[in-house]
Amino acid sequence: MYFVYILQLNNNNLYKGYTNDLNRRINEHKTGKVKSTSNHRPLKLIHYEVYSLASDALRREKFLKTTEGIRLLKQQLRDVIKYR
C-alpha cells in the first residue's frame, strides 16, 4: 500500500507527502527527522489517501503540489483547516 498524506504545520501551511509506511513517516515528521517540517512542529495529520500502486500515489502527490491541486485540496478540507 502507498499513501499520500497531508500535514497541517504550526504556521497553517499544508505539507503534502508520499510514503509506503504512513506510521513511520508521521513519526519521522513529529520527531523532527524531516528537514522540511522540523521547524514547523507541532504538526497534525489531517488527511491521507491509500493507493495500490506507487505510480498512482506519486501522480496524486505531484498533482496536489500544483496550483490547481492546492486549490482543490483547500476546498475539500476547508472545514478541517478552519478548526485547527
N, C-alpha and C. Protein backbone atom coordinates (compact mmCIF):
# COMPACT_ATOMS: atom_id res chain seq x y z
N MET A 1 0.84 -1.17 0.00
CA MET A 1 0.00 0.00 0.00
C MET A 1 0.89 1.25 0.00
N TYR A 2 0.39 2.27 -0.65
CA TYR A 2 1.11 3.54 -0.75
C TYR A 2 0.16 4.65 -0.31
N PHE A 3 0.72 5.63 0.37
CA PHE A 3 -0.08 6.68 0.97
C PHE A 3 0.35 8.05 0.49
N VAL A 4 -0.62 8.90 0.23
CA VAL A 4 -0.41 10.32 0.04
C VAL A 4 -1.01 10.96 1.28
N TYR A 5 -0.26 11.82 1.94
CA TYR A 5 -0.73 12.38 3.20
C TYR A 5 -0.58 13.89 3.22
N ILE A 6 -1.41 14.52 4.03
CA ILE A 6 -1.39 15.97 4.17
C ILE A 6 -1.20 16.28 5.65
N LEU A 7 -0.21 17.10 5.94
CA LEU A 7 0.04 17.56 7.29
C LEU A 7 -0.27 19.05 7.36
N GLN A 8 -0.86 19.47 8.45
CA GLN A 8 -1.01 20.90 8.70
C GLN A 8 0.08 21.29 9.68
N LEU A 9 0.91 22.24 9.27
CA LEU A 9 2.04 22.66 10.08
C LEU A 9 1.60 23.74 11.07
N ASN A 10 2.46 24.07 12.03
CA ASN A 10 2.09 25.06 13.04
C ASN A 10 1.89 26.46 12.47
N ASN A 11 2.38 26.71 11.27
CA ASN A 11 2.15 28.01 10.61
C ASN A 11 0.94 27.94 9.67
N ASN A 12 0.16 26.86 9.78
CA ASN A 12 -1.06 26.59 8.99
C ASN A 12 -0.80 26.26 7.53
N ASN A 13 0.45 26.14 7.12
CA ASN A 13 0.74 25.65 5.77
C ASN A 13 0.44 24.17 5.71
N LEU A 14 0.20 23.68 4.49
CA LEU A 14 -0.06 22.27 4.28
C LEU A 14 1.18 21.63 3.65
N TYR A 15 1.57 20.49 4.17
CA TYR A 15 2.68 19.72 3.63
C TYR A 15 2.10 18.47 2.98
N LYS A 16 2.47 18.21 1.73
CA LYS A 16 1.99 17.04 1.01
C LYS A 16 3.14 16.07 0.84
N GLY A 17 2.90 14.79 1.15
CA GLY A 17 3.95 13.80 1.03
C GLY A 17 3.42 12.45 0.58
N TYR A 18 4.35 11.55 0.34
CA TYR A 18 4.06 10.21 -0.17
C TYR A 18 4.94 9.23 0.59
N THR A 19 4.39 8.05 0.93
CA THR A 19 5.17 7.03 1.63
C THR A 19 4.52 5.66 1.45
N ASN A 20 5.29 4.64 1.77
CA ASN A 20 4.71 3.29 1.79
C ASN A 20 4.52 2.80 3.24
N ASP A 21 4.88 3.64 4.22
CA ASP A 21 4.69 3.32 5.63
C ASP A 21 4.26 4.60 6.36
N LEU A 22 2.98 4.80 6.46
CA LEU A 22 2.43 6.06 6.97
C LEU A 22 2.83 6.29 8.43
N ASN A 23 2.70 5.29 9.28
CA ASN A 23 3.04 5.48 10.70
C ASN A 23 4.50 5.88 10.90
N ARG A 24 5.39 5.20 10.22
CA ARG A 24 6.81 5.53 10.33
C ARG A 24 7.08 6.96 9.87
N ARG A 25 6.49 7.34 8.74
CA ARG A 25 6.75 8.66 8.17
C ARG A 25 6.19 9.77 9.06
N ILE A 26 5.00 9.57 9.61
CA ILE A 26 4.43 10.59 10.50
C ILE A 26 5.30 10.73 11.75
N ASN A 27 5.79 9.62 12.28
CA ASN A 27 6.71 9.68 13.43
C ASN A 27 7.98 10.44 13.09
N GLU A 28 8.51 10.24 11.89
CA GLU A 28 9.70 10.98 11.47
C GLU A 28 9.42 12.48 11.44
N HIS A 29 8.25 12.86 10.95
CA HIS A 29 7.88 14.29 10.94
C HIS A 29 7.75 14.81 12.36
N LYS A 30 7.06 14.08 13.21
CA LYS A 30 6.79 14.55 14.58
C LYS A 30 8.05 14.63 15.45
N THR A 31 9.04 13.81 15.15
CA THR A 31 10.28 13.83 15.94
C THR A 31 11.35 14.73 15.33
N GLY A 32 11.03 15.44 14.26
CA GLY A 32 11.96 16.39 13.68
C GLY A 32 12.99 15.81 12.76
N LYS A 33 12.81 14.59 12.30
CA LYS A 33 13.78 13.94 11.42
C LYS A 33 13.64 14.35 9.95
N VAL A 34 12.57 15.06 9.63
CA VAL A 34 12.34 15.51 8.26
C VAL A 34 12.69 17.00 8.20
N LYS A 35 13.72 17.32 7.45
CA LYS A 35 14.25 18.68 7.42
C LYS A 35 13.19 19.73 7.06
N SER A 36 12.35 19.42 6.09
CA SER A 36 11.39 20.43 5.60
C SER A 36 10.27 20.74 6.58
N THR A 37 10.05 19.88 7.58
CA THR A 37 8.99 20.15 8.55
C THR A 37 9.50 20.29 9.98
N SER A 38 10.78 20.09 10.21
CA SER A 38 11.31 20.07 11.58
C SER A 38 11.13 21.40 12.31
N ASN A 39 11.15 22.51 11.59
CA ASN A 39 10.97 23.83 12.22
C ASN A 39 9.51 24.26 12.30
N HIS A 40 8.60 23.39 11.91
CA HIS A 40 7.17 23.75 11.86
C HIS A 40 6.33 22.82 12.71
N ARG A 41 6.91 22.32 13.79
CA ARG A 41 6.18 21.45 14.69
C ARG A 41 5.54 22.30 15.78
N PRO A 42 4.46 21.88 16.39
CA PRO A 42 3.78 20.62 16.18
C PRO A 42 3.02 20.61 14.86
N LEU A 43 2.81 19.45 14.34
CA LEU A 43 2.07 19.29 13.10
C LEU A 43 0.99 18.24 13.31
N LYS A 44 0.05 18.24 12.39
CA LYS A 44 -1.10 17.35 12.56
C LYS A 44 -1.43 16.70 11.22
N LEU A 45 -1.61 15.38 11.24
CA LEU A 45 -2.08 14.66 10.07
C LEU A 45 -3.56 14.97 9.89
N ILE A 46 -3.91 15.59 8.76
CA ILE A 46 -5.32 15.96 8.56
C ILE A 46 -5.99 15.18 7.45
N HIS A 47 -5.20 14.45 6.64
CA HIS A 47 -5.81 13.73 5.53
C HIS A 47 -4.79 12.73 4.97
N TYR A 48 -5.30 11.59 4.52
CA TYR A 48 -4.44 10.67 3.77
C TYR A 48 -5.30 9.87 2.80
N GLU A 49 -4.66 9.39 1.76
CA GLU A 49 -5.30 8.58 0.72
C GLU A 49 -4.44 7.33 0.53
N VAL A 50 -5.08 6.22 0.19
CA VAL A 50 -4.38 4.94 0.04
C VAL A 50 -4.46 4.50 -1.42
N TYR A 51 -3.33 4.04 -1.95
CA TYR A 51 -3.25 3.57 -3.33
C TYR A 51 -2.57 2.21 -3.37
N SER A 52 -2.96 1.40 -4.32
CA SER A 52 -2.35 0.09 -4.52
C SER A 52 -1.03 0.18 -5.28
N LEU A 53 -0.93 1.16 -6.16
CA LEU A 53 0.26 1.31 -7.00
C LEU A 53 1.03 2.57 -6.63
N ALA A 54 2.35 2.44 -6.55
CA ALA A 54 3.20 3.59 -6.25
C ALA A 54 3.04 4.68 -7.29
N SER A 55 2.89 4.30 -8.54
CA SER A 55 2.78 5.30 -9.61
C SER A 55 1.53 6.17 -9.43
N ASP A 56 0.43 5.58 -8.97
CA ASP A 56 -0.78 6.37 -8.73
C ASP A 56 -0.59 7.34 -7.57
N ALA A 57 0.05 6.88 -6.51
CA ALA A 57 0.29 7.74 -5.35
C ALA A 57 1.23 8.90 -5.71
N LEU A 58 2.28 8.61 -6.44
CA LEU A 58 3.21 9.66 -6.86
C LEU A 58 2.54 10.68 -7.77
N ARG A 59 1.70 10.20 -8.66
CA ARG A 59 0.97 11.10 -9.57
C ARG A 59 0.05 12.03 -8.77
N ARG A 60 -0.64 11.46 -7.78
CA ARG A 60 -1.55 12.25 -6.94
C ARG A 60 -0.78 13.28 -6.12
N GLU A 61 0.34 12.87 -5.53
CA GLU A 61 1.15 13.80 -4.74
C GLU A 61 1.63 14.96 -5.62
N LYS A 62 2.08 14.64 -6.81
CA LYS A 62 2.55 15.66 -7.73
C LYS A 62 1.44 16.65 -8.07
N PHE A 63 0.24 16.12 -8.33
CA PHE A 63 -0.91 16.97 -8.64
C PHE A 63 -1.25 17.89 -7.46
N LEU A 64 -1.22 17.34 -6.25
CA LEU A 64 -1.58 18.14 -5.08
C LEU A 64 -0.60 19.28 -4.81
N LYS A 65 0.56 19.23 -5.42
CA LYS A 65 1.55 20.29 -5.27
C LYS A 65 1.43 21.36 -6.35
N THR A 66 0.51 21.17 -7.29
CA THR A 66 0.28 22.18 -8.32
C THR A 66 -0.69 23.24 -7.80
N THR A 67 -0.78 24.35 -8.47
CA THR A 67 -1.71 25.42 -8.09
C THR A 67 -3.14 24.91 -8.05
N GLU A 68 -3.54 24.19 -9.06
CA GLU A 68 -4.90 23.64 -9.11
C GLU A 68 -5.12 22.61 -8.01
N GLY A 69 -4.14 21.77 -7.77
CA GLY A 69 -4.25 20.75 -6.72
C GLY A 69 -4.37 21.37 -5.34
N ILE A 70 -3.59 22.40 -5.07
CA ILE A 70 -3.66 23.10 -3.78
C ILE A 70 -5.04 23.73 -3.61
N ARG A 71 -5.55 24.35 -4.66
CA ARG A 71 -6.85 24.99 -4.58
C ARG A 71 -7.94 23.97 -4.27
N LEU A 72 -7.94 22.85 -4.98
CA LEU A 72 -8.95 21.82 -4.76
C LEU A 72 -8.80 21.17 -3.38
N LEU A 73 -7.58 20.97 -2.94
CA LEU A 73 -7.35 20.38 -1.63
C LEU A 73 -7.88 21.28 -0.52
N LYS A 74 -7.58 22.57 -0.62
CA LYS A 74 -8.07 23.53 0.38
C LYS A 74 -9.59 23.60 0.39
N GLN A 75 -10.18 23.48 -0.78
CA GLN A 75 -11.64 23.48 -0.87
C GLN A 75 -12.20 22.21 -0.22
N GLN A 76 -11.59 21.08 -0.48
CA GLN A 76 -12.04 19.81 0.07
C GLN A 76 -11.90 19.77 1.59
N LEU A 77 -10.81 20.32 2.11
CA LEU A 77 -10.51 20.23 3.53
C LEU A 77 -10.79 21.53 4.29
N ARG A 78 -11.59 22.40 3.73
CA ARG A 78 -11.78 23.73 4.33
C ARG A 78 -12.28 23.69 5.76
N ASP A 79 -13.15 22.76 6.11
CA ASP A 79 -13.65 22.69 7.49
C ASP A 79 -12.58 22.18 8.44
N VAL A 80 -11.79 21.22 8.00
CA VAL A 80 -10.71 20.69 8.83
C VAL A 80 -9.64 21.76 9.06
N ILE A 81 -9.29 22.49 8.01
CA ILE A 81 -8.26 23.53 8.10
C ILE A 81 -8.73 24.67 9.00
N LYS A 82 -10.00 25.02 8.91
CA LYS A 82 -10.55 26.13 9.68
C LYS A 82 -10.50 25.88 11.18
N TYR A 83 -10.68 24.64 11.61
CA TYR A 83 -10.78 24.32 13.02
C TYR A 83 -9.47 23.90 13.66
N ARG A 84 -8.39 24.06 13.02
CA ARG A 84 -7.09 23.67 13.59
C ARG A 84 -6.71 24.65 14.67
